[in-house]
C-alpha atoms as a PDB file:
ATOM      1  CA  UNK A   1     -61.855 -11.318 -40.989  1.00  0.00           C
ATOM      2  CA  UNK A   2     -64.219 -13.669 -39.515  1.00  0.00           C
ATOM      3  CA  UNK A   3     -64.327 -17.218 -40.237  1.00  0.00           C
ATOM      4  CA  UNK A   4     -66.789 -19.892 -39.404  1.00  0.00           C
ATOM      5  CA  UNK A   5     -65.893 -23.354 -38.179  1.00  0.00           C
ATOM      6  CA  UNK A   6     -68.207 -26.408 -38.481  1.00  0.00           C
ATOM      7  CA  UNK A   7     -69.229 -29.106 -36.201  1.00  0.00           C
ATOM      8  CA  UNK A   8     -67.305 -32.312 -36.210  1.00  0.00           C
ATOM      9  CA  UNK A   9     -66.368 -33.009 -39.910  1.00  0.00           C
ATOM     10  CA  UNK A  10     -66.321 -36.357 -41.605  1.00  0.00           C
ATOM     11  CA  UNK A  11     -63.075 -37.616 -43.225  1.00  0.00           C
ATOM     12  CA  UNK A  12     -64.256 -40.261 -45.580  1.00  0.00           C
ATOM     13  CA  UNK A  13     -65.817 -38.908 -48.575  1.00  0.00           C
ATOM     14  CA  UNK A  14     -64.505 -35.399 -47.838  1.00  0.00           C
ATOM     15  CA  UNK A  15     -65.381 -32.998 -45.022  1.00  0.00           C
ATOM     16  CA  UNK A  16     -68.497 -30.955 -44.722  1.00  0.00           C
ATOM     17  CA  UNK A  17     -67.996 -27.431 -45.631  1.00  0.00           C
ATOM     18  CA  UNK A  18     -68.799 -24.717 -43.094  1.00  0.00           C
ATOM     19  CA  UNK A  19     -68.423 -21.026 -43.524  1.00  0.00           C
ATOM     20  CA  UNK A  20     -65.753 -20.215 -45.953  1.00  0.00           C
ATOM     21  CA  UNK A  21     -64.270 -16.775 -46.284  1.00  0.00           C
ATOM     22  CA  UNK A  22     -62.871 -15.884 -49.671  1.00  0.00           C
ATOM     23  CA  UNK A  23     -59.186 -15.070 -49.288  1.00  0.00           C
ATOM     24  CA  UNK A  24     -59.345 -11.336 -49.295  1.00  0.00           C
ATOM     25  CA  UNK A  25     -56.544 -10.469 -51.915  1.00  0.00           C
ATOM     26  CA  UNK A  26     -54.279 -13.026 -53.430  1.00  0.00           C
ATOM     27  CA  UNK A  27     -51.949 -10.305 -54.539  1.00  0.00           C
ATOM     28  CA  UNK A  28     -51.394  -9.216 -50.895  1.00  0.00           C
ATOM     29  CA  UNK A  29     -50.557 -12.773 -50.021  1.00  0.00           C
ATOM     30  CA  UNK A  30     -47.975 -12.965 -52.721  1.00  0.00           C
ATOM     31  CA  UNK A  31     -46.497  -9.715 -51.593  1.00  0.00           C
ATOM     32  CA  UNK A  32     -46.331 -10.986 -47.981  1.00  0.00           C
ATOM     33  CA  UNK A  33     -44.739 -14.317 -48.726  1.00  0.00           C
ATOM     34  CA  UNK A  34     -43.142 -13.809 -52.125  1.00  0.00           C
ATOM     35  CA  UNK A  35     -44.895 -16.642 -53.650  1.00  0.00           C
ATOM     36  CA  UNK A  36     -47.553 -17.263 -56.361  1.00  0.00           C
ATOM     37  CA  UNK A  37     -51.149 -16.393 -55.757  1.00  0.00           C
ATOM     38  CA  UNK A  38     -53.510 -18.999 -54.206  1.00  0.00           C
ATOM     39  CA  UNK A  39     -56.874 -20.100 -55.284  1.00  0.00           C
ATOM     40  CA  UNK A  40     -59.693 -19.142 -52.875  1.00  0.00           C
ATOM     41  CA  UNK A  41     -62.561 -21.467 -52.060  1.00  0.00           C
ATOM     42  CA  UNK A  42     -65.146 -21.054 -54.840  1.00  0.00           C
ATOM     43  CA  UNK A  43     -68.208 -21.051 -52.684  1.00  0.00           C
ATOM     44  CA  UNK A  44     -69.077 -19.582 -49.264  1.00  0.00           C
ATOM     45  CA  UNK A  45     -71.625 -21.330 -47.144  1.00  0.00           C
ATOM     46  CA  UNK A  46     -73.321 -19.531 -44.319  1.00  0.00           C
ATOM     47  CA  UNK A  47     -71.065 -16.577 -45.229  1.00  0.00           C
ATOM     48  CA  UNK A  48     -70.352 -14.252 -42.243  1.00  0.00           C
ATOM     49  CA  UNK A  49     -70.804 -10.506 -42.856  1.00  0.00           C
ATOM     50  CA  UNK A  50     -67.760  -8.520 -44.040  1.00  0.00           C
ATOM     51  CA  UNK A  51     -65.302  -7.171 -41.564  1.00  0.00           C
ATOM     52  CA  UNK A  52     -65.467  -3.811 -39.945  1.00  0.00           C
ATOM     53  CA  UNK A  53     -63.059  -1.058 -40.606  1.00  0.00           C
ATOM     54  CA  UNK A  54     -59.355  -1.546 -39.480  1.00  0.00           C
ATOM     55  CA  UNK A  55     -58.853  -1.069 -35.719  1.00  0.00           C
ATOM     56  CA  UNK A  56     -55.714  -0.599 -33.629  1.00  0.00           C
ATOM     57  CA  UNK A  57     -54.523  -3.600 -31.556  1.00  0.00           C
ATOM     58  CA  UNK A  58     -55.793  -3.715 -28.116  1.00  0.00           C
ATOM     59  CA  UNK A  59     -53.001  -3.697 -25.485  1.00  0.00           C
ATOM     60  CA  UNK A  60     -54.657  -5.121 -22.455  1.00  0.00           C
ATOM     61  CA  UNK A  61     -58.468  -4.704 -22.434  1.00  0.00           C
ATOM     62  CA  UNK A  62     -61.276  -5.189 -24.957  1.00  0.00           C
ATOM     63  CA  UNK A  63     -63.265  -2.383 -26.346  1.00  0.00           C
ATOM     64  CA  UNK A  64     -66.943  -3.331 -26.355  1.00  0.00           C
ATOM     65  CA  UNK A  65     -67.340  -1.152 -29.440  1.00  0.00           C
ATOM     66  CA  UNK A  66     -65.039  -3.284 -31.577  1.00  0.00           C
ATOM     67  CA  UNK A  67     -66.906  -6.347 -32.912  1.00  0.00           C
ATOM     68  CA  UNK A  68     -64.578  -7.464 -35.620  1.00  0.00           C
ATOM     69  CA  UNK A  69     -60.908  -8.385 -36.222  1.00  0.00           C
ATOM     70  CA  UNK A  70     -58.763  -5.567 -37.486  1.00  0.00           C
ATOM     71  CA  UNK A  71     -58.750  -5.833 -41.301  1.00  0.00           C
ATOM     72  CA  UNK A  72     -55.071  -5.124 -41.548  1.00  0.00           C
ATOM     73  CA  UNK A  73     -54.431  -8.397 -39.646  1.00  0.00           C
ATOM     74  CA  UNK A  74     -56.405 -10.844 -41.538  1.00  0.00           C
ATOM     75  CA  UNK A  75     -54.878 -13.336 -43.869  1.00  0.00           C
ATOM     76  CA  UNK A  76     -53.252 -11.251 -46.498  1.00  0.00           C
ATOM     77  CA  UNK A  77     -51.838  -8.173 -45.030  1.00  0.00           C
ATOM     78  CA  UNK A  78     -48.618  -6.876 -46.776  1.00  0.00           C
ATOM     79  CA  UNK A  79     -47.653  -4.729 -43.790  1.00  0.00           C
ATOM     80  CA  UNK A  80     -44.403  -6.736 -43.193  1.00  0.00           C
ATOM     81  CA  UNK A  81     -43.227  -6.457 -46.818  1.00  0.00           C
ATOM     82  CA  UNK A  82     -41.430  -9.137 -48.776  1.00  0.00           C
ATOM     83  CA  UNK A  83     -38.521  -9.009 -46.342  1.00  0.00           C
ATOM     84  CA  UNK A  84     -40.812  -9.046 -43.345  1.00  0.00           C
ATOM     85  CA  UNK A  85     -40.388 -12.595 -41.977  1.00  0.00           C
ATOM     86  CA  UNK A  86     -36.623 -12.350 -41.681  1.00  0.00           C
ATOM     87  CA  UNK A  87     -36.785  -9.077 -39.942  1.00  0.00           C
ATOM     88  CA  UNK A  88     -39.144 -10.253 -37.278  1.00  0.00           C
ATOM     89  CA  UNK A  89     -36.741 -12.693 -35.940  1.00  0.00           C
ATOM     90  CA  UNK A  90     -35.169  -9.901 -33.827  1.00  0.00           C
ATOM     91  CA  UNK A  91     -35.340 -10.913 -30.195  1.00  0.00           C
ATOM     92  CA  UNK A  92     -36.501  -7.443 -28.864  1.00  0.00           C
ATOM     93  CA  UNK A  93     -39.153  -8.830 -26.657  1.00  0.00           C
ATOM     94  CA  UNK A  94     -38.268 -12.497 -26.438  1.00  0.00           C
ATOM     95  CA  UNK A  95     -38.877 -14.153 -22.995  1.00  0.00           C
ATOM     96  CA  UNK A  96     -37.660 -17.410 -21.527  1.00  0.00           C
ATOM     97  CA  UNK A  97     -40.197 -20.036 -22.607  1.00  0.00           C
ATOM     98  CA  UNK A  98     -42.098 -21.243 -19.538  1.00  0.00           C
ATOM     99  CA  UNK A  99     -42.017 -24.946 -19.012  1.00  0.00           C
ATOM    100  CA  UNK A 100     -45.311 -26.589 -19.118  1.00  0.00           C
ATOM    101  CA  UNK A 101     -46.353 -28.525 -15.909  1.00  0.00           C
ATOM    102  CA  UNK A 102     -46.512 -32.321 -16.028  1.00  0.00           C
ATOM    103  CA  UNK A 103     -50.090 -33.426 -16.210  1.00  0.00           C
ATOM    104  CA  UNK A 104     -51.332 -37.052 -16.290  1.00  0.00           C
ATOM    105  CA  UNK A 105     -54.632 -36.891 -18.034  1.00  0.00           C
ATOM    106  CA  UNK A 106     -55.162 -40.514 -17.252  1.00  0.00           C
ATOM    107  CA  UNK A 107     -55.486 -39.630 -13.651  1.00  0.00           C
ATOM    108  CA  UNK A 108     -57.106 -36.231 -13.738  1.00  0.00           C
ATOM    109  CA  UNK A 109     -59.745 -34.509 -15.777  1.00  0.00           C
ATOM    110  CA  UNK A 110     -58.191 -32.790 -18.694  1.00  0.00           C
ATOM    111  CA  UNK A 111     -59.676 -30.415 -21.368  1.00  0.00           C
ATOM    112  CA  UNK A 112     -57.851 -28.864 -24.324  1.00  0.00           C
ATOM    113  CA  UNK A 113     -58.808 -25.290 -25.239  1.00  0.00           C
ATOM    114  CA  UNK A 114     -57.948 -24.448 -28.792  1.00  0.00           C
ATOM    115  CA  UNK A 115     -57.928 -21.081 -30.427  1.00  0.00           C
ATOM    116  CA  UNK A 116     -57.822 -20.520 -34.294  1.00  0.00           C
ATOM    117  CA  UNK A 117     -57.027 -17.792 -36.757  1.00  0.00           C
ATOM    118  CA  UNK A 118     -54.799 -15.587 -34.665  1.00  0.00           C
ATOM    119  CA  UNK A 119     -52.722 -13.987 -33.463  1.00  0.00           C
ATOM    120  CA  UNK A 120     -54.651 -10.906 -33.424  1.00  0.00           C
ATOM    121  CA  UNK A 121     -55.438  -7.848 -31.506  1.00  0.00           C
ATOM    122  CA  UNK A 122     -57.287  -9.675 -28.629  1.00  0.00           C
ATOM    123  CA  UNK A 123     -54.851 -12.384 -28.052  1.00  0.00           C
ATOM    124  CA  UNK A 124     -52.851 -10.526 -25.430  1.00  0.00           C
ATOM    125  CA  UNK A 125     -55.995 -10.193 -23.339  1.00  0.00           C
ATOM    126  CA  UNK A 126     -56.727 -13.947 -23.753  1.00  0.00           C
ATOM    127  CA  UNK A 127     -53.112 -14.713 -22.535  1.00  0.00           C
ATOM    128  CA  UNK A 128     -53.779 -12.718 -19.394  1.00  0.00           C
ATOM    129  CA  UNK A 129     -56.965 -14.711 -18.723  1.00  0.00           C
ATOM    130  CA  UNK A 130     -55.365 -18.004 -19.278  1.00  0.00           C
ATOM    131  CA  UNK A 131     -52.423 -17.094 -16.998  1.00  0.00           C
ATOM    132  CA  UNK A 132     -54.817 -16.209 -14.262  1.00  0.00           C
ATOM    133  CA  UNK A 133     -55.871 -19.888 -14.194  1.00  0.00           C
ATOM    134  CA  UNK A 134     -52.555 -21.378 -15.007  1.00  0.00           C
ATOM    135  CA  UNK A 135     -54.214 -22.704 -18.169  1.00  0.00           C
ATOM    136  CA  UNK A 136     -52.181 -24.144 -21.191  1.00  0.00           C
ATOM    137  CA  UNK A 137     -53.863 -23.915 -24.632  1.00  0.00           C
ATOM    138  CA  UNK A 138     -53.116 -24.514 -28.209  1.00  0.00           C
ATOM    139  CA  UNK A 139     -53.117 -21.761 -30.687  1.00  0.00           C
ATOM    140  CA  UNK A 140     -53.636 -22.690 -34.388  1.00  0.00           C
ATOM    141  CA  UNK A 141     -52.098 -19.694 -36.109  1.00  0.00           C
ATOM    142  CA  UNK A 142     -52.518 -18.303 -39.616  1.00  0.00           C
ATOM    143  CA  UNK A 143     -49.303 -17.401 -41.322  1.00  0.00           C
ATOM    144  CA  UNK A 144     -50.382 -13.985 -42.637  1.00  0.00           C
ATOM    145  CA  UNK A 145     -51.355 -12.916 -39.116  1.00  0.00           C
ATOM    146  CA  UNK A 146     -48.114 -14.365 -37.634  1.00  0.00           C
ATOM    147  CA  UNK A 147     -46.174 -11.792 -39.749  1.00  0.00           C
ATOM    148  CA  UNK A 148     -48.476  -9.023 -38.663  1.00  0.00           C
ATOM    149  CA  UNK A 149     -48.415  -9.796 -34.969  1.00  0.00           C
ATOM    150  CA  UNK A 150     -44.925 -11.298 -34.359  1.00  0.00           C
ATOM    151  CA  UNK A 151     -44.640 -10.038 -30.791  1.00  0.00           C
ATOM    152  CA  UNK A 152     -47.956 -11.528 -29.801  1.00  0.00           C
ATOM    153  CA  UNK A 153     -46.888 -14.865 -31.186  1.00  0.00           C
ATOM    154  CA  UNK A 154     -43.568 -14.610 -29.114  1.00  0.00           C
ATOM    155  CA  UNK A 155     -45.431 -13.895 -25.983  1.00  0.00           C
ATOM    156  CA  UNK A 156     -47.830 -16.829 -26.523  1.00  0.00           C
ATOM    157  CA  UNK A 157     -44.843 -19.175 -26.943  1.00  0.00           C
ATOM    158  CA  UNK A 158     -43.106 -17.618 -23.903  1.00  0.00           C
ATOM    159  CA  UNK A 159     -46.103 -18.407 -21.842  1.00  0.00           C
ATOM    160  CA  UNK A 160     -45.747 -22.018 -22.584  1.00  0.00           C
ATOM    161  CA  UNK A 161     -48.735 -22.455 -24.929  1.00  0.00           C
ATOM    162  CA  UNK A 162     -48.597 -24.832 -27.874  1.00  0.00           C
ATOM    163  CA  UNK A 163     -48.564 -23.436 -31.509  1.00  0.00           C
ATOM    164  CA  UNK A 164     -50.222 -25.261 -34.418  1.00  0.00           C
ATOM    165  CA  UNK A 165     -50.196 -24.601 -38.108  1.00  0.00           C
ATOM    166  CA  UNK A 166     -53.549 -23.354 -39.548  1.00  0.00           C
ATOM    167  CA  UNK A 167     -52.150 -22.465 -43.095  1.00  0.00           C
ATOM    168  CA  UNK A 168     -50.924 -19.229 -44.588  1.00  0.00           C
ATOM    169  CA  UNK A 169     -54.292 -17.753 -45.884  1.00  0.00           C
ATOM    170  CA  UNK A 170     -57.006 -20.055 -44.614  1.00  0.00           C
ATOM    171  CA  UNK A 171     -58.207 -21.797 -47.749  1.00  0.00           C
ATOM    172  CA  UNK A 172     -60.116 -25.007 -48.016  1.00  0.00           C
ATOM    173  CA  UNK A 173     -57.216 -27.362 -48.445  1.00  0.00           C
ATOM    174  CA  UNK A 174     -59.319 -29.862 -50.295  1.00  0.00           C
ATOM    175  CA  UNK A 175     -59.783 -27.564 -53.068  1.00  0.00           C
ATOM    176  CA  UNK A 176     -55.988 -27.013 -53.630  1.00  0.00           C
ATOM    177  CA  UNK A 177     -53.430 -29.205 -55.479  1.00  0.00           C
ATOM    178  CA  UNK A 178     -50.999 -31.086 -53.316  1.00  0.00           C
ATOM    179  CA  UNK A 179     -48.230 -28.417 -53.989  1.00  0.00           C
ATOM    180  CA  UNK A 180     -50.422 -25.768 -52.947  1.00  0.00           C
ATOM    181  CA  UNK A 181     -51.268 -27.554 -49.724  1.00  0.00           C
ATOM    182  CA  UNK A 182     -47.650 -27.997 -48.950  1.00  0.00           C
ATOM    183  CA  UNK A 183     -46.933 -24.363 -49.810  1.00  0.00           C
ATOM    184  CA  UNK A 184     -49.823 -23.199 -47.382  1.00  0.00           C
ATOM    185  CA  UNK A 185     -48.310 -25.253 -44.534  1.00  0.00           C
ATOM    186  CA  UNK A 186     -44.575 -24.658 -45.485  1.00  0.00           C
ATOM    187  CA  UNK A 187     -44.759 -20.843 -45.586  1.00  0.00           C
ATOM    188  CA  UNK A 188     -46.514 -20.787 -42.195  1.00  0.00           C
ATOM    189  CA  UNK A 189     -43.864 -23.114 -40.735  1.00  0.00           C
ATOM    190  CA  UNK A 190     -41.203 -20.781 -42.063  1.00  0.00           C
ATOM    191  CA  UNK A 191     -42.760 -17.644 -40.608  1.00  0.00           C
ATOM    192  CA  UNK A 192     -43.275 -19.296 -37.084  1.00  0.00           C
ATOM    193  CA  UNK A 193     -39.785 -20.545 -37.027  1.00  0.00           C
ATOM    194  CA  UNK A 194     -38.324 -17.061 -38.092  1.00  0.00           C
ATOM    195  CA  UNK A 195     -40.236 -15.437 -35.096  1.00  0.00           C
ATOM    196  CA  UNK A 196     -40.008 -18.009 -32.396  1.00  0.00           C
ATOM    197  CA  UNK A 197     -37.479 -20.613 -33.413  1.00  0.00           C
ATOM    198  CA  UNK A 198     -39.950 -23.473 -33.304  1.00  0.00           C
ATOM    199  CA  UNK A 199     -41.820 -25.454 -35.995  1.00  0.00           C
ATOM    200  CA  UNK A 200     -45.365 -26.490 -35.038  1.00  0.00           C
ATOM    201  CA  UNK A 201     -45.898 -30.096 -34.518  1.00  0.00           C
ATOM    202  CA  UNK A 202     -49.774 -30.049 -35.184  1.00  0.00           C
ATOM    203  CA  UNK A 203     -51.865 -28.986 -38.181  1.00  0.00           C
ATOM    204  CA  UNK A 204     -55.550 -27.837 -38.039  1.00  0.00           C
ATOM    205  CA  UNK A 205     -56.985 -27.620 -41.514  1.00  0.00           C
ATOM    206  CA  UNK A 206     -59.320 -24.632 -42.080  1.00  0.00           C
ATOM    207  CA  UNK A 207     -62.991 -25.458 -41.626  1.00  0.00           C
ATOM    208  CA  UNK A 208     -61.934 -28.949 -40.518  1.00  0.00           C
ATOM    209  CA  UNK A 209     -61.860 -29.865 -44.305  1.00  0.00           C
ATOM    210  CA  UNK A 210     -59.574 -32.804 -45.058  1.00  0.00           C
ATOM    211  CA  UNK A 211     -59.368 -35.706 -47.440  1.00  0.00           C
ATOM    212  CA  UNK A 212     -56.857 -38.336 -48.360  1.00  0.00           C
ATOM    213  CA  UNK A 213     -54.887 -35.854 -50.582  1.00  0.00           C
ATOM    214  CA  UNK A 214     -54.535 -33.318 -47.862  1.00  0.00           C
ATOM    215  CA  UNK A 215     -53.415 -35.836 -45.191  1.00  0.00           C
ATOM    216  CA  UNK A 216     -50.713 -37.156 -47.534  1.00  0.00           C
ATOM    217  CA  UNK A 217     -49.031 -33.703 -47.613  1.00  0.00           C
ATOM    218  CA  UNK A 218     -47.832 -33.876 -43.934  1.00  0.00           C
ATOM    219  CA  UNK A 219     -46.993 -36.454 -41.401  1.00  0.00           C
ATOM    220  CA  UNK A 220     -48.089 -34.246 -38.538  1.00  0.00           C
ATOM    221  CA  UNK A 221     -51.327 -34.893 -36.521  1.00  0.00           C
ATOM    222  CA  UNK A 222     -54.423 -33.279 -37.993  1.00  0.00           C
ATOM    223  CA  UNK A 223     -56.345 -31.896 -35.192  1.00  0.00           C
ATOM    224  CA  UNK A 224     -60.109 -31.262 -35.354  1.00  0.00           C
ATOM    225  CA  UNK A 225     -62.424 -30.872 -32.353  1.00  0.00           C
ATOM    226  CA  UNK A 226     -65.131 -32.469 -30.287  1.00  0.00           C
ATOM    227  CA  UNK A 227     -66.863 -29.352 -28.994  1.00  0.00           C
ATOM    228  CA  UNK A 228     -67.673 -26.541 -31.417  1.00  0.00           C
ATOM    229  CA  UNK A 229     -68.800 -23.299 -29.779  1.00  0.00           C
ATOM    230  CA  UNK A 230     -69.845 -21.763 -33.110  1.00  0.00           C
ATOM    231  CA  UNK A 231     -68.387 -18.552 -31.877  1.00  0.00           C
ATOM    232  CA  UNK A 232     -68.078 -17.106 -35.366  1.00  0.00           C
ATOM    233  CA  UNK A 233     -71.884 -17.265 -35.556  1.00  0.00           C
ATOM    234  CA  UNK A 234     -72.786 -16.405 -32.065  1.00  0.00           C
ATOM    235  CA  UNK A 235     -71.236 -13.011 -31.163  1.00  0.00           C
ATOM    236  CA  UNK A 236     -72.467 -13.303 -27.709  1.00  0.00           C
ATOM    237  CA  UNK A 237     -70.099 -14.112 -24.908  1.00  0.00           C
ATOM    238  CA  UNK A 238     -72.798 -15.838 -22.895  1.00  0.00           C
ATOM    239  CA  UNK A 239     -73.810 -18.045 -25.760  1.00  0.00           C
ATOM    240  CA  UNK A 240     -70.238 -18.943 -26.410  1.00  0.00           C
ATOM    241  CA  UNK A 241     -69.571 -19.850 -22.747  1.00  0.00           C
ATOM    242  CA  UNK A 242     -72.757 -21.803 -22.594  1.00  0.00           C
ATOM    243  CA  UNK A 243     -71.874 -23.885 -25.669  1.00  0.00           C
ATOM    244  CA  UNK A 244     -68.546 -24.651 -24.443  1.00  0.00           C
ATOM    245  CA  UNK A 245     -69.629 -25.753 -21.059  1.00  0.00           C
ATOM    246  CA  UNK A 246     -72.736 -27.846 -21.864  1.00  0.00           C
ATOM    247  CA  UNK A 247     -70.795 -30.449 -24.053  1.00  0.00           C
ATOM    248  CA  UNK A 248     -67.460 -30.748 -22.334  1.00  0.00           C
ATOM    249  CA  UNK A 249     -66.304 -33.986 -20.815  1.00  0.00           C
ATOM    250  CA  UNK A 250     -62.899 -35.340 -20.021  1.00  0.00           C
ATOM    251  CA  UNK A 251     -60.709 -35.409 -23.117  1.00  0.00           C
ATOM    252  CA  UNK A 252     -62.688 -32.767 -24.919  1.00  0.00           C
ATOM    253  CA  UNK A 253     -61.078 -30.532 -27.530  1.00  0.00           C
ATOM    254  CA  UNK A 254     -62.844 -27.246 -27.681  1.00  0.00           C
ATOM    255  CA  UNK A 255     -62.861 -24.937 -30.667  1.00  0.00           C
ATOM    256  CA  UNK A 256     -62.710 -21.041 -30.257  1.00  0.00           C
ATOM    257  CA  UNK A 257     -61.468 -18.286 -32.346  1.00  0.00           C
ATOM    258  CA  UNK A 258     -59.354 -15.541 -30.623  1.00  0.00           C
ATOM    259  CA  UNK A 259     -59.986 -13.046 -33.443  1.00  0.00           C
ATOM    260  CA  UNK A 260     -63.437 -12.418 -31.860  1.00  0.00           C
ATOM    261  CA  UNK A 261     -63.617 -10.149 -28.866  1.00  0.00           C
ATOM    262  CA  UNK A 262     -66.878 -11.781 -27.760  1.00  0.00           C
ATOM    263  CA  UNK A 263     -65.038 -15.102 -27.613  1.00  0.00           C
ATOM    264  CA  UNK A 264     -62.183 -13.621 -25.592  1.00  0.00           C
ATOM    265  CA  UNK A 265     -64.677 -12.106 -23.167  1.00  0.00           C
ATOM    266  CA  UNK A 266     -66.249 -15.541 -22.652  1.00  0.00           C
ATOM    267  CA  UNK A 267     -63.086 -17.213 -21.686  1.00  0.00           C
ATOM    268  CA  UNK A 268     -62.985 -16.222 -17.892  1.00  0.00           C
ATOM    269  CA  UNK A 269     -66.419 -17.679 -17.404  1.00  0.00           C
ATOM    270  CA  UNK A 270     -65.329 -20.892 -19.090  1.00  0.00           C
ATOM    271  CA  UNK A 271     -62.229 -21.121 -17.090  1.00  0.00           C
ATOM    272  CA  UNK A 272     -63.889 -20.488 -13.793  1.00  0.00           C
ATOM    273  CA  UNK A 273     -66.644 -22.996 -14.319  1.00  0.00           C
ATOM    274  CA  UNK A 274     -64.398 -25.742 -15.725  1.00  0.00           C
ATOM    275  CA  UNK A 275     -61.930 -25.216 -12.919  1.00  0.00           C
ATOM    276  CA  UNK A 276     -64.719 -25.562 -10.398  1.00  0.00           C
ATOM    277  CA  UNK A 277     -65.637 -28.946 -11.890  1.00  0.00           C
ATOM    278  CA  UNK A 278     -62.046 -30.043 -11.360  1.00  0.00           C
ATOM    279  CA  UNK A 279     -60.703 -29.754 -14.907  1.00  0.00           C
ATOM    280  CA  UNK A 280     -57.068 -29.143 -15.855  1.00  0.00           C
ATOM    281  CA  UNK A 281     -56.468 -27.006 -18.962  1.00  0.00           C
ATOM    282  CA  UNK A 282     -53.759 -28.614 -21.074  1.00  0.00           C
ATOM    283  CA  UNK A 283     -52.397 -28.373 -24.630  1.00  0.00           C
ATOM    284  CA  UNK A 284     -53.451 -30.938 -27.283  1.00  0.00           C
ATOM    285  CA  UNK A 285     -50.147 -32.749 -27.089  1.00  0.00           C
ATOM    286  CA  UNK A 286     -50.362 -32.810 -23.232  1.00  0.00           C
ATOM    287  CA  UNK A 287     -54.020 -34.324 -23.638  1.00  0.00           C
ATOM    288  CA  UNK A 288     -52.387 -37.289 -25.454  1.00  0.00           C
ATOM    289  CA  UNK A 289     -49.406 -37.644 -23.277  1.00  0.00           C
ATOM    290  CA  UNK A 290     -47.210 -36.106 -25.886  1.00  0.00           C
ATOM    291  CA  UNK A 291     -48.198 -38.434 -28.656  1.00  0.00           C
ATOM    292  CA  UNK A 292     -51.508 -37.292 -30.500  1.00  0.00           C
ATOM    293  CA  UNK A 293     -52.905 -39.626 -33.084  1.00  0.00           C
ATOM    294  CA  UNK A 294     -52.734 -38.791 -36.854  1.00  0.00           C
ATOM    295  CA  UNK A 295     -56.350 -37.564 -36.657  1.00  0.00           C
ATOM    296  CA  UNK A 296     -57.531 -35.925 -33.459  1.00  0.00           C
ATOM    297  CA  UNK A 297     -61.239 -35.347 -32.358  1.00  0.00           C
ATOM    298  CA  UNK A 298     -60.848 -35.826 -28.703  1.00  0.00           C
ATOM    299  CA  UNK A 299     -59.097 -38.176 -26.187  1.00  0.00           C
ATOM    300  CA  UNK A 300     -60.846 -41.063 -24.797  1.00  0.00           C
ATOM    301  CA  UNK A 301     -62.344 -40.518 -21.352  1.00  0.00           C
ATOM    302  CA  UNK A 302     -59.656 -41.536 -18.829  1.00  0.00           C
ATOM    303  CA  UNK A 303     -60.256 -43.975 -15.992  1.00  0.00           C
ATOM    304  CA  UNK A 304     -60.379 -41.727 -12.955  1.00  0.00           C
ATOM    305  CA  UNK A 305     -61.086 -44.424 -10.530  1.00  0.00           C
END
């Protein structure tokens, strides 16, 4: 399913709502994670069109005919069954985790590329593009997609990318009770740990929607963004690349969604242009020297002189 993300949200007084996709089938979420059903956001602003028919996962290249995420991999698939998370811990395609290079973003120009809502059928192609430029990125994954694409998640971790928690079924957390917020994050942590052996150290709230109640449910940094490509709205690779490139500066955190094939096709241009400007591609944690603040929009421009 397609989600929208909004421009930089405001914390005080509640975040501005952007495109909200109603959680497809609460029953399927319950089947997948063995828990109670979740309340979906009651309203959708700027709602995106419904997803196309289910498609098979792409193995290496993108099909120009496919313009929507496979319906079977979007926040509620019961494909794994109730026992799926434990079964997916099998190390059939685990690889040694590639160490991240040391980068001092106080001395070099750094930018953090972030990708939301996967893993999905286009993530493998994205990983190949990133590898070609020795780029590290941060993937904020949705728990129900994690159990649908466990091998993709393992390959993402093995390539040295950072994984963040983007909830189980992508609800607006400000509309949930504290217990449900904790459940959304906890289920996703459990799935990621079962598949990769790690627990994400970062959280990105869906739609950038946070308030004091949401922030109290975890001590982890809440990562928002400073450059919004609006790739959920503009299904044009050229437009997505242009929006990413025109606002970037040292310390930027750029928001993409790897569930859109048009976004993934935009990444080689983004990487090429930014590399030509002297940027290094780092994870969110690397951008802050391993210690992100409690609320992240971007890093302060470093003194490069």
